[in-house]
Amino acid sequence: MRDESRPRHLYLGHPYRRADGRPYGVELNAGQAQEAIAHSLAIEGRVTAAARGCLQAGPQETDSPYSPFARVAEEFGSAAG
């Protein structure tokens, strides 16, 4: 989508925030769309890497509500006791 269609407008179907927590608007212009897509792809890459690492280490059951993927949640600051 980013490299082939180069959207001039992007309409978000749900609230979406930048890495620093600032929200995007509902309608993004071309520059904002490129930023949002790049940010989304970067997050997807981090999630993929974290999940692969967790799977390579093998399932580890814990008391965490994120078990057996508590390690992934910890990497993203979402881990709960």
C-alpha atoms as a PDB file:
ATOM      1  CA  MET A   1       0.000   0.000   0.000  1.00  0.00           C
ATOM      2  CA  ARG A   2       2.733   2.431   0.966  1.00  0.00           C
ATOM      3  CA  ASP A   3       4.968   1.817  -2.029  1.00  0.00           C
ATOM      4  CA  GLU A   4       2.410   1.082  -4.730  1.00  0.00           C
ATOM      5  CA  SER A   5      -0.652   3.204  -4.096  1.00  0.00           C
ATOM      6  CA  ARG A   6       0.862   6.187  -2.244  1.00  0.00           C
ATOM      7  CA  PRO A   7      -2.463   7.339  -0.799  1.00  0.00           C
ATOM      8  CA  ARG A   8      -3.263  11.056  -0.963  1.00  0.00           C
ATOM      9  CA  HIS A   9      -5.858  10.587   1.791  1.00  0.00           C
ATOM     10  CA  LEU A  10      -6.227   7.926   4.444  1.00  0.00           C
ATOM     11  CA  TYR A  11      -9.319   7.616   6.578  1.00  0.00           C
ATOM     12  CA  LEU A  12      -8.781   5.848   9.885  1.00  0.00           C
ATOM     13  CA  GLY A  13     -11.494   3.550  11.155  1.00  0.00           C
ATOM     14  CA  HIS A  14     -10.374   3.707  14.790  1.00  0.00           C
ATOM     15  CA  PRO A  15      -8.261   5.933  17.041  1.00  0.00           C
ATOM     16  CA  TYR A  16      -4.594   5.628  16.142  1.00  0.00           C
ATOM     17  CA  ARG A  17      -1.654   7.252  17.920  1.00  0.00           C
ATOM     18  CA  ARG A  18       1.924   8.061  17.044  1.00  0.00           C
ATOM     19  CA  ALA A  19       4.784   6.530  19.042  1.00  0.00           C
ATOM     20  CA  ASP A  20       4.845   9.634  21.270  1.00  0.00           C
ATOM     21  CA  GLY A  21       1.132   9.241  22.057  1.00  0.00           C
ATOM     22  CA  ARG A  22      -0.160  12.114  19.907  1.00  0.00           C
ATOM     23  CA  PRO A  23      -3.315  11.044  18.069  1.00  0.00           C
ATOM     24  CA  TYR A  24      -3.723  11.176  14.329  1.00  0.00           C
ATOM     25  CA  GLY A  25      -6.845  12.820  12.990  1.00  0.00           C
ATOM     26  CA  VAL A  26      -9.620  10.864  11.308  1.00  0.00           C
ATOM     27  CA  GLU A  27      -8.568  11.982   7.806  1.00  0.00           C
ATOM     28  CA  LEU A  28      -4.856  11.998   6.963  1.00  0.00           C
ATOM     29  CA  ASN A  29      -3.222  13.851   4.094  1.00  0.00           C
ATOM     30  CA  ALA A  30      -0.518  12.230   1.939  1.00  0.00           C
ATOM     31  CA  GLY A  31       2.354  13.058   4.311  1.00  0.00           C
ATOM     32  CA  GLN A  32       0.454  11.940   7.395  1.00  0.00           C
ATOM     33  CA  ALA A  33      -0.649   8.765   5.617  1.00  0.00           C
ATOM     34  CA  GLN A  34       2.958   7.896   4.758  1.00  0.00           C
ATOM     35  CA  GLU A  35       3.976   8.547   8.379  1.00  0.00           C
ATOM     36  CA  ALA A  36       1.131   6.412   9.763  1.00  0.00           C
ATOM     37  CA  ILE A  37       1.829   3.528   7.378  1.00  0.00           C
ATOM     38  CA  ALA A  38       5.571   3.603   8.115  1.00  0.00           C
ATOM     39  CA  HIS A  39       4.853   3.668  11.849  1.00  0.00           C
ATOM     40  CA  SER A  40       2.431   0.758  11.522  1.00  0.00           C
ATOM     41  CA  LEU A  41       4.970  -1.299   9.562  1.00  0.00           C
ATOM     42  CA  ALA A  42       7.657  -0.594  12.176  1.00  0.00           C
ATOM     43  CA  ILE A  43       5.349  -1.787  14.955  1.00  0.00           C
ATOM     44  CA  GLU A  44       4.442  -4.895  12.960  1.00  0.00           C
ATOM     45  CA  GLY A  45       8.145  -5.649  12.581  1.00  0.00           C
ATOM     46  CA  ARG A  46       8.723  -5.330  16.324  1.00  0.00           C
ATOM     47  CA  VAL A  47       5.734  -7.541  17.132  1.00  0.00           C
ATOM     48  CA  THR A  48       6.874 -10.166  14.619  1.00  0.00           C
ATOM     49  CA  ALA A  49      10.413 -10.213  16.019  1.00  0.00           C
ATOM     50  CA  ALA A  50       9.178 -10.444  19.610  1.00  0.00           C
ATOM     51  CA  ALA A  51       6.705 -13.229  18.802  1.00  0.00           C
ATOM     52  CA  ARG A  52       9.331 -15.206  16.888  1.00  0.00           C
ATOM     53  CA  GLY A  53      11.748 -14.913  19.792  1.00  0.00           C
ATOM     54  CA  CYS A  54       9.081 -16.082  22.187  1.00  0.00           C
ATOM     55  CA  LEU A  55       8.156 -19.040  19.999  1.00  0.00           C
ATOM     56  CA  GLN A  56      11.803 -20.006  19.484  1.00  0.00           C
ATOM     57  CA  ALA A  57      12.307 -20.059  23.261  1.00  0.00           C
ATOM     58  CA  GLY A  58       9.275 -22.307  23.593  1.00  0.00           C
ATOM     59  CA  PRO A  59       6.013 -21.764  25.447  1.00  0.00           C
ATOM     60  CA  GLN A  60       6.485 -20.704  29.039  1.00  0.00           C
ATOM     61  CA  GLU A  61       3.366 -20.849  31.169  1.00  0.00           C
ATOM     62  CA  THR A  62       3.227 -18.107  33.787  1.00  0.00           C
ATOM     63  CA  ASP A  63       0.612 -16.449  35.989  1.00  0.00           C
ATOM     64  CA  SER A  64       0.486 -13.549  33.543  1.00  0.00           C
ATOM     65  CA  PRO A  65      -2.773 -12.972  31.671  1.00  0.00           C
ATOM     66  CA  TYR A  66      -0.546 -12.829  28.563  1.00  0.00           C
ATOM     67  CA  SER A  67       0.819 -16.338  29.141  1.00  0.00           C
ATOM     68  CA  PRO A  68       2.432 -18.029  27.273  1.00  0.00           C
ATOM     69  CA  PHE A  69       3.407 -14.803  25.490  1.00  0.00           C
ATOM     70  CA  ALA A  70       4.205 -12.763  28.613  1.00  0.00           C
ATOM     71  CA  ARG A  71       7.710 -12.099  27.281  1.00  0.00           C
ATOM     72  CA  VAL A  72       6.238 -10.373  24.231  1.00  0.00           C
ATOM     73  CA  ALA A  73       3.953  -8.274  26.434  1.00  0.00           C
ATOM     74  CA  GLU A  74       6.943  -7.274  28.578  1.00  0.00           C
ATOM     75  CA  GLU A  75       8.815  -6.037  25.510  1.00  0.00           C
ATOM     76  CA  PHE A  76       5.907  -3.732  24.753  1.00  0.00           C
ATOM     77  CA  GLY A  77       5.321  -2.551  28.309  1.00  0.00           C
ATOM     78  CA  SER A  78       2.041  -4.431  28.677  1.00  0.00           C
ATOM     79  CA  ALA A  79       3.088  -7.114  31.144  1.00  0.00           C
ATOM     80  CA  ALA A  80       0.948  -7.625  34.184  1.00  0.00           C
ATOM     81  CA  GLY A  81       2.056  -9.539  37.256  1.00  0.00           C
END
